[in-house]
């Protein structure tokens, strides 16, 4: 996911990230076997410059984050709705980091069902995934909580012996059993698809918006991204034409391509250029507090460089067969 945002450009090497001169702040909260929600939440607090509440972490505590992020990318989640007791910890964390001026961007999920947690939590910008022609990719979750859609990659071919036709190329590690050389994903080498890769495209655009107008609030950024979105296409390159996507309550599982509507796929397709242009002309909201907050309101001198926190995880579902 990181390669989609701050990867250097104009150097003749590899690929170019969405976020021009955006700095990344990697925060590892999961391992190859997953992890704990408490670690994810602690990482969110720390990335935003807030000391994680004591129950979340044991000693030794991490050092204060003197360079808080303006955008937190959550390419992770569960299929459970953001309404149960366990989700309360997410809802509180989103509320607190948003109040600090940090936007939380989440991937919608890869189950083809209703968005879960944290994608369905209030205050986040949830991102659904679309195919190369703008229709919903089969695996992407959906629902009224989705704020925007962005490319997620789709293979068309479902056999492992066939190339993935439309992946999202990004940086990767080429090791198969242990860390190896750094490289890039291709149509045949570790092809990358999933809403885990849709969210960073939106996060990168949001980072650029904060760059041209640091006084924007997270809610303003969400509104500008939604208001500048491109309309969804009403047809596909598939034959026969796919149906329109439906509300999860009507059709719980939608694992095949469908034509997006604003009822379930957000305001439209991400238009990063239009969003950044709109941000540069928008009035600023309340400036973020900045600095490190220990939970009792104490802060250091405000320091808000443009940083992007990346809470990275394994893809929610890595099935090639679902990447249609």
C-alpha atoms as a PDB file:
ATOM      1  CA  UNK A   1       0.000   0.000   0.000  1.00  0.00           C
ATOM      2  CA  UNK A   2       2.787   2.430   0.810  1.00  0.00           C
ATOM      3  CA  UNK A   3       4.085   2.446  -2.758  1.00  0.00           C
ATOM      4  CA  UNK A   4       0.792   3.836  -4.032  1.00  0.00           C
ATOM      5  CA  UNK A   5       1.146   7.014  -1.967  1.00  0.00           C
ATOM      6  CA  UNK A   6       4.651   8.440  -1.420  1.00  0.00           C
ATOM      7  CA  UNK A   7       6.660   6.538  -4.064  1.00  0.00           C
ATOM      8  CA  UNK A   8       9.160   8.976  -5.613  1.00  0.00           C
ATOM      9  CA  UNK A   9       8.435  10.189  -9.122  1.00  0.00           C
ATOM     10  CA  UNK A  10      10.410  11.728 -11.997  1.00  0.00           C
ATOM     11  CA  UNK A  11      13.377   9.451 -11.318  1.00  0.00           C
ATOM     12  CA  UNK A  12      12.980   6.917 -14.114  1.00  0.00           C
ATOM     13  CA  UNK A  13      12.564   4.074 -11.634  1.00  0.00           C
ATOM     14  CA  UNK A  14       9.530   1.939 -10.891  1.00  0.00           C
ATOM     15  CA  UNK A  15       6.279   3.798 -10.437  1.00  0.00           C
ATOM     16  CA  UNK A  16       4.990   7.151  -9.208  1.00  0.00           C
ATOM     17  CA  UNK A  17       2.922   7.516  -6.053  1.00  0.00           C
ATOM     18  CA  UNK A  18      -0.243   9.591  -5.831  1.00  0.00           C
ATOM     19  CA  UNK A  19       1.150  11.849  -3.118  1.00  0.00           C
ATOM     20  CA  UNK A  20       3.716  14.187  -4.639  1.00  0.00           C
ATOM     21  CA  UNK A  21       6.383  14.809  -1.955  1.00  0.00           C
ATOM     22  CA  UNK A  22       4.129  13.262   0.709  1.00  0.00           C
ATOM     23  CA  UNK A  23       6.031  11.758   3.624  1.00  0.00           C
ATOM     24  CA  UNK A  24       5.017   8.399   5.037  1.00  0.00           C
ATOM     25  CA  UNK A  25       4.876   7.472   8.712  1.00  0.00           C
ATOM     26  CA  UNK A  26       4.713   3.648   8.810  1.00  0.00           C
ATOM     27  CA  UNK A  27       3.081   2.287  11.964  1.00  0.00           C
ATOM     28  CA  UNK A  28       3.137  -1.498  12.217  1.00  0.00           C
ATOM     29  CA  UNK A  29       0.168  -2.862  14.129  1.00  0.00           C
ATOM     30  CA  UNK A  30      -0.294  -6.309  12.534  1.00  0.00           C
ATOM     31  CA  UNK A  31       1.964  -9.197  11.604  1.00  0.00           C
ATOM     32  CA  UNK A  32       1.751 -11.984   9.044  1.00  0.00           C
ATOM     33  CA  UNK A  33      -0.741 -13.830  11.268  1.00  0.00           C
ATOM     34  CA  UNK A  34      -2.923 -10.806  11.994  1.00  0.00           C
ATOM     35  CA  UNK A  35      -3.035  -9.047  15.338  1.00  0.00           C
ATOM     36  CA  UNK A  36      -5.173  -7.380  17.964  1.00  0.00           C
ATOM     37  CA  UNK A  37      -7.707  -4.583  17.628  1.00  0.00           C
ATOM     38  CA  UNK A  38      -6.105  -2.926  20.645  1.00  0.00           C
ATOM     39  CA  UNK A  39      -2.829  -2.589  18.725  1.00  0.00           C
ATOM     40  CA  UNK A  40      -4.610  -1.039  15.747  1.00  0.00           C
ATOM     41  CA  UNK A  41      -6.336   1.469  18.007  1.00  0.00           C
ATOM     42  CA  UNK A  42      -3.105   2.296  19.832  1.00  0.00           C
ATOM     43  CA  UNK A  43      -1.447   2.887  16.476  1.00  0.00           C
ATOM     44  CA  UNK A  44      -4.215   5.269  15.450  1.00  0.00           C
ATOM     45  CA  UNK A  45      -3.820   7.342  18.599  1.00  0.00           C
ATOM     46  CA  UNK A  46      -0.039   7.443  18.311  1.00  0.00           C
ATOM     47  CA  UNK A  47      -0.106   8.357  14.606  1.00  0.00           C
ATOM     48  CA  UNK A  48      -2.372  11.323  15.357  1.00  0.00           C
ATOM     49  CA  UNK A  49      -0.081  12.569  18.119  1.00  0.00           C
ATOM     50  CA  UNK A  50      -2.187  11.345  21.024  1.00  0.00           C
ATOM     51  CA  UNK A  51      -0.807   9.144  23.782  1.00  0.00           C
ATOM     52  CA  UNK A  52      -2.623   5.773  23.598  1.00  0.00           C
ATOM     53  CA  UNK A  53      -4.869   5.225  26.635  1.00  0.00           C
ATOM     54  CA  UNK A  54      -3.109   3.048  29.277  1.00  0.00           C
ATOM     55  CA  UNK A  55      -5.271  -0.077  28.833  1.00  0.00           C
ATOM     56  CA  UNK A  56      -4.171  -0.383  25.193  1.00  0.00           C
ATOM     57  CA  UNK A  57      -0.430  -0.680  25.742  1.00  0.00           C
ATOM     58  CA  UNK A  58       1.884  -2.216  28.302  1.00  0.00           C
ATOM     59  CA  UNK A  59       5.324  -0.927  29.249  1.00  0.00           C
ATOM     60  CA  UNK A  60       7.575   0.072  27.686  1.00  0.00           C
ATOM     61  CA  UNK A  61       5.453   2.714  26.007  1.00  0.00           C
ATOM     62  CA  UNK A  62       6.494   4.102  22.612  1.00  0.00           C
ATOM     63  CA  UNK A  63       8.152   7.519  22.571  1.00  0.00           C
ATOM     64  CA  UNK A  64       5.902  10.506  21.829  1.00  0.00           C
ATOM     65  CA  UNK A  65       5.137  11.110  18.163  1.00  0.00           C
ATOM     66  CA  UNK A  66       6.416  14.641  17.577  1.00  0.00           C
ATOM     67  CA  UNK A  67       5.281  14.673  13.940  1.00  0.00           C
ATOM     68  CA  UNK A  68       1.573  13.741  13.947  1.00  0.00           C
ATOM     69  CA  UNK A  69      -0.055  12.617  10.720  1.00  0.00           C
ATOM     70  CA  UNK A  70      -2.844  14.398   8.906  1.00  0.00           C
ATOM     71  CA  UNK A  71      -4.119  11.214   7.240  1.00  0.00           C
ATOM     72  CA  UNK A  72      -4.355   7.687   8.640  1.00  0.00           C
ATOM     73  CA  UNK A  73      -4.827   4.917   6.084  1.00  0.00           C
ATOM     74  CA  UNK A  74      -6.525   1.790   7.459  1.00  0.00           C
ATOM     75  CA  UNK A  75      -6.212  -0.976   4.875  1.00  0.00           C
ATOM     76  CA  UNK A  76      -7.632  -3.525   7.290  1.00  0.00           C
ATOM     77  CA  UNK A  77     -10.873  -4.497   8.966  1.00  0.00           C
ATOM     78  CA  UNK A  78     -13.457  -7.122   9.800  1.00  0.00           C
ATOM     79  CA  UNK A  79     -16.843  -8.018   8.348  1.00  0.00           C
ATOM     80  CA  UNK A  80     -18.636  -7.245  11.615  1.00  0.00           C
ATOM     81  CA  UNK A  81     -20.801  -4.086  11.559  1.00  0.00           C
ATOM     82  CA  UNK A  82     -19.616  -1.042  13.489  1.00  0.00           C
ATOM     83  CA  UNK A  83     -22.485  -1.310  15.947  1.00  0.00           C
ATOM     84  CA  UNK A  84     -21.418  -3.841  18.599  1.00  0.00           C
ATOM     85  CA  UNK A  85     -19.522  -3.293  21.839  1.00  0.00           C
ATOM     86  CA  UNK A  86     -16.177  -4.202  20.270  1.00  0.00           C
ATOM     87  CA  UNK A  87     -16.648  -1.475  17.663  1.00  0.00           C
ATOM     88  CA  UNK A  88     -17.043   1.162  20.367  1.00  0.00           C
ATOM     89  CA  UNK A  89     -13.262   1.333  20.748  1.00  0.00           C
ATOM     90  CA  UNK A  90     -12.993   2.204  17.046  1.00  0.00           C
ATOM     91  CA  UNK A  91     -15.738   4.815  17.239  1.00  0.00           C
ATOM     92  CA  UNK A  92     -14.084   6.577  20.177  1.00  0.00           C
ATOM     93  CA  UNK A  93     -10.657   6.492  18.523  1.00  0.00           C
ATOM     94  CA  UNK A  94     -11.966   7.932  15.252  1.00  0.00           C
ATOM     95  CA  UNK A  95     -13.737  10.703  17.137  1.00  0.00           C
ATOM     96  CA  UNK A  96     -10.598  11.653  19.063  1.00  0.00           C
ATOM     97  CA  UNK A  97      -8.123  11.577  16.174  1.00  0.00           C
ATOM     98  CA  UNK A  98     -10.557  13.463  13.944  1.00  0.00           C
ATOM     99  CA  UNK A  99     -10.876  16.153  16.598  1.00  0.00           C
ATOM    100  CA  UNK A 100      -7.098  16.491  16.397  1.00  0.00           C
ATOM    101  CA  UNK A 101      -7.331  17.250  12.681  1.00  0.00           C
ATOM    102  CA  UNK A 102      -6.466  13.786  11.347  1.00  0.00           C
ATOM    103  CA  UNK A 103      -8.549  12.160   8.615  1.00  0.00           C
ATOM    104  CA  UNK A 104      -9.140   8.395   8.799  1.00  0.00           C
ATOM    105  CA  UNK A 105      -9.443   6.631   5.427  1.00  0.00           C
ATOM    106  CA  UNK A 106     -10.528   2.982   5.401  1.00  0.00           C
ATOM    107  CA  UNK A 107     -10.886   0.220   2.833  1.00  0.00           C
ATOM    108  CA  UNK A 108     -14.467  -0.997   2.436  1.00  0.00           C
ATOM    109  CA  UNK A 109     -13.551  -4.682   2.565  1.00  0.00           C
ATOM    110  CA  UNK A 110     -13.379  -7.603   0.160  1.00  0.00           C
ATOM    111  CA  UNK A 111     -16.356  -9.778   1.075  1.00  0.00           C
ATOM    112  CA  UNK A 112     -18.898  -8.474  -1.447  1.00  0.00           C
ATOM    113  CA  UNK A 113     -21.220  -7.805   1.484  1.00  0.00           C
ATOM    114  CA  UNK A 114     -22.048  -4.866   3.742  1.00  0.00           C
ATOM    115  CA  UNK A 115     -19.056  -2.879   4.969  1.00  0.00           C
ATOM    116  CA  UNK A 116     -17.849  -3.858   8.419  1.00  0.00           C
ATOM    117  CA  UNK A 117     -15.473  -2.281  10.939  1.00  0.00           C
ATOM    118  CA  UNK A 118     -13.876   0.243  10.807  1.00  0.00           C
ATOM    119  CA  UNK A 119     -15.220   1.026   7.319  1.00  0.00           C
ATOM    120  CA  UNK A 120     -18.752   1.416   8.640  1.00  0.00           C
ATOM    121  CA  UNK A 121     -17.848   3.606  11.608  1.00  0.00           C
ATOM    122  CA  UNK A 122     -18.963   7.259  11.761  1.00  0.00           C
ATOM    123  CA  UNK A 123     -16.375   9.841  10.791  1.00  0.00           C
ATOM    124  CA  UNK A 124     -14.192   7.710   8.497  1.00  0.00           C
ATOM    125  CA  UNK A 125     -13.950   7.998   4.713  1.00  0.00           C
ATOM    126  CA  UNK A 126     -14.694   4.486   3.505  1.00  0.00           C
ATOM    127  CA  UNK A 127     -13.470   3.522   0.025  1.00  0.00           C
ATOM    128  CA  UNK A 128     -15.090   0.894  -2.195  1.00  0.00           C
ATOM    129  CA  UNK A 129     -13.278  -0.723  -5.125  1.00  0.00           C
ATOM    130  CA  UNK A 130     -14.087  -0.465  -8.826  1.00  0.00           C
ATOM    131  CA  UNK A 131     -12.899  -2.284 -11.944  1.00  0.00           C
ATOM    132  CA  UNK A 132     -10.923  -0.731 -14.804  1.00  0.00           C
ATOM    133  CA  UNK A 133     -14.181   0.482 -16.379  1.00  0.00           C
ATOM    134  CA  UNK A 134     -15.627   1.974 -13.190  1.00  0.00           C
ATOM    135  CA  UNK A 135     -18.098  -0.736 -12.196  1.00  0.00           C
ATOM    136  CA  UNK A 136     -17.915  -2.344  -8.742  1.00  0.00           C
ATOM    137  CA  UNK A 137     -15.363  -5.127  -8.673  1.00  0.00           C
ATOM    138  CA  UNK A 138     -16.982  -8.336  -7.503  1.00  0.00           C
ATOM    139  CA  UNK A 139     -15.166  -8.703  -4.192  1.00  0.00           C
ATOM    140  CA  UNK A 140     -15.619  -5.118  -2.957  1.00  0.00           C
ATOM    141  CA  UNK A 141     -17.917  -4.606  -0.006  1.00  0.00           C
ATOM    142  CA  UNK A 142     -20.517  -1.876  -0.302  1.00  0.00           C
ATOM    143  CA  UNK A 143     -23.230   0.024   1.525  1.00  0.00           C
ATOM    144  CA  UNK A 144     -24.520   3.486   2.414  1.00  0.00           C
ATOM    145  CA  UNK A 145     -21.503   4.056   4.691  1.00  0.00           C
ATOM    146  CA  UNK A 146     -19.143   4.134   1.684  1.00  0.00           C
ATOM    147  CA  UNK A 147     -17.971   7.673   0.893  1.00  0.00           C
ATOM    148  CA  UNK A 148     -16.109   7.289  -2.407  1.00  0.00           C
ATOM    149  CA  UNK A 149     -14.916   4.639  -4.868  1.00  0.00           C
ATOM    150  CA  UNK A 150     -11.459   4.176  -6.385  1.00  0.00           C
ATOM    151  CA  UNK A 151      -9.679   1.559  -8.518  1.00  0.00           C
ATOM    152  CA  UNK A 152      -9.056  -1.722  -6.713  1.00  0.00           C
ATOM    153  CA  UNK A 153      -7.636  -3.856  -9.488  1.00  0.00           C
ATOM    154  CA  UNK A 154      -9.360  -6.760 -11.199  1.00  0.00           C
ATOM    155  CA  UNK A 155      -7.801  -9.767 -12.845  1.00  0.00           C
ATOM    156  CA  UNK A 156     -10.600 -10.945 -15.195  1.00  0.00           C
ATOM    157  CA  UNK A 157      -8.621 -14.186 -15.476  1.00  0.00           C
ATOM    158  CA  UNK A 158      -9.131 -16.386 -12.431  1.00  0.00           C
ATOM    159  CA  UNK A 159      -6.560 -19.149 -12.939  1.00  0.00           C
ATOM    160  CA  UNK A 160      -3.183 -18.859 -11.236  1.00  0.00           C
ATOM    161  CA  UNK A 161      -1.514 -19.782 -14.530  1.00  0.00           C
ATOM    162  CA  UNK A 162      -3.009 -16.741 -16.273  1.00  0.00           C
ATOM    163  CA  UNK A 163      -1.869 -13.119 -15.876  1.00  0.00           C
ATOM    164  CA  UNK A 164      -3.914 -10.683 -13.815  1.00  0.00           C
ATOM    165  CA  UNK A 165      -5.030  -8.195 -16.466  1.00  0.00           C
ATOM    166  CA  UNK A 166      -5.730  -5.081 -14.401  1.00  0.00           C
ATOM    167  CA  UNK A 167      -3.809  -5.092 -11.102  1.00  0.00           C
ATOM    168  CA  UNK A 168      -2.653  -1.989  -9.246  1.00  0.00           C
ATOM    169  CA  UNK A 169       1.124  -2.021  -9.594  1.00  0.00           C
ATOM    170  CA  UNK A 170       2.974  -1.055  -6.444  1.00  0.00           C
ATOM    171  CA  UNK A 171       6.156  -1.689  -4.500  1.00  0.00           C
ATOM    172  CA  UNK A 172       6.574  -5.111  -2.924  1.00  0.00           C
ATOM    173  CA  UNK A 173       9.076  -7.499  -1.406  1.00  0.00           C
ATOM    174  CA  UNK A 174      10.038 -10.292  -3.777  1.00  0.00           C
ATOM    175  CA  UNK A 175      10.769 -12.874  -1.083  1.00  0.00           C
ATOM    176  CA  UNK A 176       8.444 -15.891  -1.097  1.00  0.00           C
ATOM    177  CA  UNK A 177       9.266 -17.392   2.329  1.00  0.00           C
ATOM    178  CA  UNK A 178      11.376 -14.668   3.930  1.00  0.00           C
ATOM    179  CA  UNK A 179      12.219 -11.040   3.184  1.00  0.00           C
ATOM    180  CA  UNK A 180      14.024 -10.707  -0.138  1.00  0.00           C
ATOM    181  CA  UNK A 181      14.847  -7.974  -2.602  1.00  0.00           C
ATOM    182  CA  UNK A 182      12.578  -4.984  -3.071  1.00  0.00           C
ATOM    183  CA  UNK A 183      10.701  -4.808  -6.351  1.00  0.00           C
ATOM    184  CA  UNK A 184       7.400  -4.076  -8.031  1.00  0.00           C
ATOM    185  CA  UNK A 185       4.243  -6.102  -8.506  1.00  0.00           C
ATOM    186  CA  UNK A 186       3.232  -6.942 -12.077  1.00  0.00           C
ATOM    187  CA  UNK A 187       0.465  -8.787 -13.908  1.00  0.00           C
ATOM    188  CA  UNK A 188       2.231 -12.070 -13.146  1.00  0.00           C
ATOM    189  CA  UNK A 189       4.421 -11.308 -10.113  1.00  0.00           C
ATOM    190  CA  UNK A 190       2.472 -10.837  -6.882  1.00  0.00           C
ATOM    191  CA  UNK A 191      -0.387  -8.993  -8.637  1.00  0.00           C
ATOM    192  CA  UNK A 192      -2.127  -6.681  -6.195  1.00  0.00           C
ATOM    193  CA  UNK A 193      -5.890  -6.318  -6.066  1.00  0.00           C
ATOM    194  CA  UNK A 194      -8.293  -5.392  -3.267  1.00  0.00           C
ATOM    195  CA  UNK A 195      -9.868  -2.433  -1.548  1.00  0.00           C
ATOM    196  CA  UNK A 196      -6.720  -2.345   0.587  1.00  0.00           C
ATOM    197  CA  UNK A 197      -5.225  -0.661  -2.477  1.00  0.00           C
ATOM    198  CA  UNK A 198      -8.221   1.588  -3.176  1.00  0.00           C
ATOM    199  CA  UNK A 199      -7.916   3.370   0.165  1.00  0.00           C
ATOM    200  CA  UNK A 200      -4.290   4.540  -0.353  1.00  0.00           C
ATOM    201  CA  UNK A 201      -5.271   6.271  -3.588  1.00  0.00           C
ATOM    202  CA  UNK A 202      -7.788   8.332  -1.628  1.00  0.00           C
ATOM    203  CA  UNK A 203      -5.347   8.836   1.249  1.00  0.00           C
ATOM    204  CA  UNK A 204      -2.753  10.186  -1.160  1.00  0.00           C
ATOM    205  CA  UNK A 205      -5.260  12.615  -2.640  1.00  0.00           C
ATOM    206  CA  UNK A 206      -6.293  13.741   0.851  1.00  0.00           C
ATOM    207  CA  UNK A 207      -2.647  14.342   1.778  1.00  0.00           C
ATOM    208  CA  UNK A 208      -2.237  16.607  -1.252  1.00  0.00           C
ATOM    209  CA  UNK A 209      -5.369  18.497  -0.220  1.00  0.00           C
ATOM    210  CA  UNK A 210      -3.910  19.153   3.226  1.00  0.00           C
ATOM    211  CA  UNK A 211      -0.674  20.222   1.534  1.00  0.00           C
ATOM    212  CA  UNK A 212      -2.332  22.981  -0.492  1.00  0.00           C
ATOM    213  CA  UNK A 213      -4.624  24.005   2.372  1.00  0.00           C
ATOM    214  CA  UNK A 214      -3.329  22.893   5.810  1.00  0.00           C
ATOM    215  CA  UNK A 215      -6.233  24.561   7.593  1.00  0.00           C
ATOM    216  CA  UNK A 216      -8.817  22.150   6.203  1.00  0.00           C
ATOM    217  CA  UNK A 217     -10.648  19.927   8.661  1.00  0.00           C
ATOM    218  CA  UNK A 218     -11.098  16.186   8.038  1.00  0.00           C
ATOM    219  CA  UNK A 219     -14.810  16.733   7.401  1.00  0.00           C
ATOM    220  CA  UNK A 220     -14.038  19.409   4.820  1.00  0.00           C
ATOM    221  CA  UNK A 221     -11.687  17.043   3.014  1.00  0.00           C
ATOM    222  CA  UNK A 222     -14.355  14.331   2.951  1.00  0.00           C
ATOM    223  CA  UNK A 223     -16.929  16.747   1.563  1.00  0.00           C
ATOM    224  CA  UNK A 224     -14.561  18.077  -1.101  1.00  0.00           C
ATOM    225  CA  UNK A 225     -13.609  14.569  -2.243  1.00  0.00           C
ATOM    226  CA  UNK A 226     -17.263  13.603  -2.475  1.00  0.00           C
ATOM    227  CA  UNK A 227     -18.358  16.839  -4.159  1.00  0.00           C
ATOM    228  CA  UNK A 228     -15.696  16.582  -6.877  1.00  0.00           C
ATOM    229  CA  UNK A 229     -16.224  12.881  -7.625  1.00  0.00           C
ATOM    230  CA  UNK A 230     -16.869  11.739 -11.184  1.00  0.00           C
ATOM    231  CA  UNK A 231     -20.222  10.069 -11.868  1.00  0.00           C
ATOM    232  CA  UNK A 232     -20.388   6.299 -12.026  1.00  0.00           C
ATOM    233  CA  UNK A 233     -20.692   4.754 -15.499  1.00  0.00           C
ATOM    234  CA  UNK A 234     -24.053   3.237 -16.330  1.00  0.00           C
ATOM    235  CA  UNK A 235     -22.673   0.521 -18.617  1.00  0.00           C
ATOM    236  CA  UNK A 236     -19.826  -1.982 -18.603  1.00  0.00           C
ATOM    237  CA  UNK A 237     -17.564  -3.697 -21.118  1.00  0.00           C
ATOM    238  CA  UNK A 238     -18.995  -7.013 -19.951  1.00  0.00           C
ATOM    239  CA  UNK A 239     -21.528  -9.053 -21.929  1.00  0.00           C
ATOM    240  CA  UNK A 240     -24.243  -9.370 -20.842  1.00  0.00           C
ATOM    241  CA  UNK A 241     -24.442  -6.115 -18.915  1.00  0.00           C
ATOM    242  CA  UNK A 242     -24.161  -6.538 -15.134  1.00  0.00           C
ATOM    243  CA  UNK A 243     -27.044  -5.537 -12.849  1.00  0.00           C
ATOM    244  CA  UNK A 244     -27.069  -2.423 -10.712  1.00  0.00           C
ATOM    245  CA  UNK A 245     -25.644  -2.837  -7.226  1.00  0.00           C
ATOM    246  CA  UNK A 246     -28.233  -3.160  -4.467  1.00  0.00           C
ATOM    247  CA  UNK A 247     -28.377  -2.273  -0.802  1.00  0.00           C
ATOM    248  CA  UNK A 248     -26.857  -5.040   1.334  1.00  0.00           C
ATOM    249  CA  UNK A 249     -30.158  -5.374   3.182  1.00  0.00           C
ATOM    250  CA  UNK A 250     -31.845  -6.295  -0.114  1.00  0.00           C
ATOM    251  CA  UNK A 251     -29.085  -8.477  -1.527  1.00  0.00           C
ATOM    252  CA  UNK A 252     -26.657  -9.390   1.276  1.00  0.00           C
ATOM    253  CA  UNK A 253     -23.878 -10.815  -0.916  1.00  0.00           C
ATOM    254  CA  UNK A 254     -22.773  -9.294  -4.244  1.00  0.00           C
ATOM    255  CA  UNK A 255     -19.577 -11.086  -5.254  1.00  0.00           C
ATOM    256  CA  UNK A 256     -19.830 -10.328  -8.952  1.00  0.00           C
ATOM    257  CA  UNK A 257     -19.536  -7.145 -10.971  1.00  0.00           C
ATOM    258  CA  UNK A 258     -22.391  -4.664 -10.631  1.00  0.00           C
ATOM    259  CA  UNK A 259     -23.029  -1.089 -11.750  1.00  0.00           C
ATOM    260  CA  UNK A 260     -22.441   1.298  -8.870  1.00  0.00           C
ATOM    261  CA  UNK A 261     -24.967   3.778  -7.547  1.00  0.00           C
ATOM    262  CA  UNK A 262     -24.528   6.550  -5.006  1.00  0.00           C
ATOM    263  CA  UNK A 263     -26.672   4.540  -2.587  1.00  0.00           C
ATOM    264  CA  UNK A 264     -24.003   1.872  -2.059  1.00  0.00           C
ATOM    265  CA  UNK A 265     -20.690   2.966  -3.646  1.00  0.00           C
ATOM    266  CA  UNK A 266     -20.292   6.497  -2.339  1.00  0.00           C
ATOM    267  CA  UNK A 267     -20.556   9.819  -4.136  1.00  0.00           C
ATOM    268  CA  UNK A 268     -18.769   8.616  -7.263  1.00  0.00           C
ATOM    269  CA  UNK A 269     -15.296   7.882  -8.614  1.00  0.00           C
ATOM    270  CA  UNK A 270     -12.321   9.617  -7.022  1.00  0.00           C
ATOM    271  CA  UNK A 271     -11.064  12.608  -9.031  1.00  0.00           C
ATOM    272  CA  UNK A 272      -7.828  13.487  -7.239  1.00  0.00           C
ATOM    273  CA  UNK A 273      -7.008  16.467  -9.445  1.00  0.00           C
ATOM    274  CA  UNK A 274     -10.403  18.070  -9.013  1.00  0.00           C
ATOM    275  CA  UNK A 275     -10.333  17.449  -5.257  1.00  0.00           C
ATOM    276  CA  UNK A 276      -6.921  19.097  -4.817  1.00  0.00           C
ATOM    277  CA  UNK A 277      -7.987  22.055  -6.954  1.00  0.00           C
ATOM    278  CA  UNK A 278     -11.144  22.470  -4.875  1.00  0.00           C
ATOM    279  CA  UNK A 279      -9.117  22.225  -1.667  1.00  0.00           C
ATOM    280  CA  UNK A 280      -6.817  25.039  -2.747  1.00  0.00           C
ATOM    281  CA  UNK A 281      -9.800  27.359  -3.149  1.00  0.00           C
ATOM    282  CA  UNK A 282     -11.761  26.252  -0.073  1.00  0.00           C
ATOM    283  CA  UNK A 283     -11.928  28.346   3.111  1.00  0.00           C
ATOM    284  CA  UNK A 284      -9.904  26.882   5.953  1.00  0.00           C
ATOM    285  CA  UNK A 285     -11.621  25.463   8.998  1.00  0.00           C
ATOM    286  CA  UNK A 286     -10.261  25.305  12.524  1.00  0.00           C
ATOM    287  CA  UNK A 287      -6.522  24.709  12.419  1.00  0.00           C
ATOM    288  CA  UNK A 288      -5.346  21.425  14.009  1.00  0.00           C
ATOM    289  CA  UNK A 289      -3.782  21.606  17.442  1.00  0.00           C
ATOM    290  CA  UNK A 290      -0.541  19.842  16.467  1.00  0.00           C
ATOM    291  CA  UNK A 291       2.182  18.547  18.746  1.00  0.00           C
ATOM    292  CA  UNK A 292       2.007  15.658  21.193  1.00  0.00           C
ATOM    293  CA  UNK A 293      -1.003  15.309  23.460  1.00  0.00           C
ATOM    294  CA  UNK A 294      -0.686  13.229  26.603  1.00  0.00           C
ATOM    295  CA  UNK A 295      -4.404  12.784  27.056  1.00  0.00           C
ATOM    296  CA  UNK A 296      -4.693  15.542  29.630  1.00  0.00           C
ATOM    297  CA  UNK A 297      -4.624  18.365  27.136  1.00  0.00           C
ATOM    298  CA  UNK A 298      -0.921  19.200  27.388  1.00  0.00           C
ATOM    299  CA  UNK A 299       0.838  19.898  24.086  1.00  0.00           C
ATOM    300  CA  UNK A 300       4.241  20.826  22.790  1.00  0.00           C
ATOM    301  CA  UNK A 301       4.894  23.504  20.198  1.00  0.00           C
ATOM    302  CA  UNK A 302       2.585  22.867  17.221  1.00  0.00           C
ATOM    303  CA  UNK A 303       4.322  20.834  14.545  1.00  0.00           C
ATOM    304  CA  UNK A 304       2.293  19.671  11.550  1.00  0.00           C
ATOM    305  CA  UNK A 305       4.501  18.558   8.679  1.00  0.00           C
ATOM    306  CA  UNK A 306       2.620  16.731   5.992  1.00  0.00           C
ATOM    307  CA  UNK A 307       2.796  13.130   7.114  1.00  0.00           C
ATOM    308  CA  UNK A 308       0.727  10.158   6.171  1.00  0.00           C
ATOM    309  CA  UNK A 309       0.319   7.350   8.680  1.00  0.00           C
ATOM    310  CA  UNK A 310       0.020   3.964   7.071  1.00  0.00           C
ATOM    311  CA  UNK A 311      -1.494   1.278   9.247  1.00  0.00           C
ATOM    312  CA  UNK A 312      -0.719  -1.639   6.996  1.00  0.00           C
ATOM    313  CA  UNK A 313      -2.195  -5.107   6.990  1.00  0.00           C
ATOM    314  CA  UNK A 314      -2.407  -8.126   4.808  1.00  0.00           C
ATOM    315  CA  UNK A 315      -5.119  -7.991   2.209  1.00  0.00           C
ATOM    316  CA  UNK A 316      -8.502  -8.782   3.698  1.00  0.00           C
ATOM    317  CA  UNK A 317      -9.113 -11.531   1.158  1.00  0.00           C
ATOM    318  CA  UNK A 318      -6.407 -12.556  -1.274  1.00  0.00           C
ATOM    319  CA  UNK A 319      -8.449 -14.891  -3.453  1.00  0.00           C
ATOM    320  CA  UNK A 320      -7.641 -14.507  -7.139  1.00  0.00           C
ATOM    321  CA  UNK A 321     -10.943 -16.147  -8.033  1.00  0.00           C
ATOM    322  CA  UNK A 322     -12.834 -13.231  -6.512  1.00  0.00           C
ATOM    323  CA  UNK A 323     -10.880 -10.620  -8.473  1.00  0.00           C
ATOM    324  CA  UNK A 324     -13.223 -10.416 -11.450  1.00  0.00           C
END
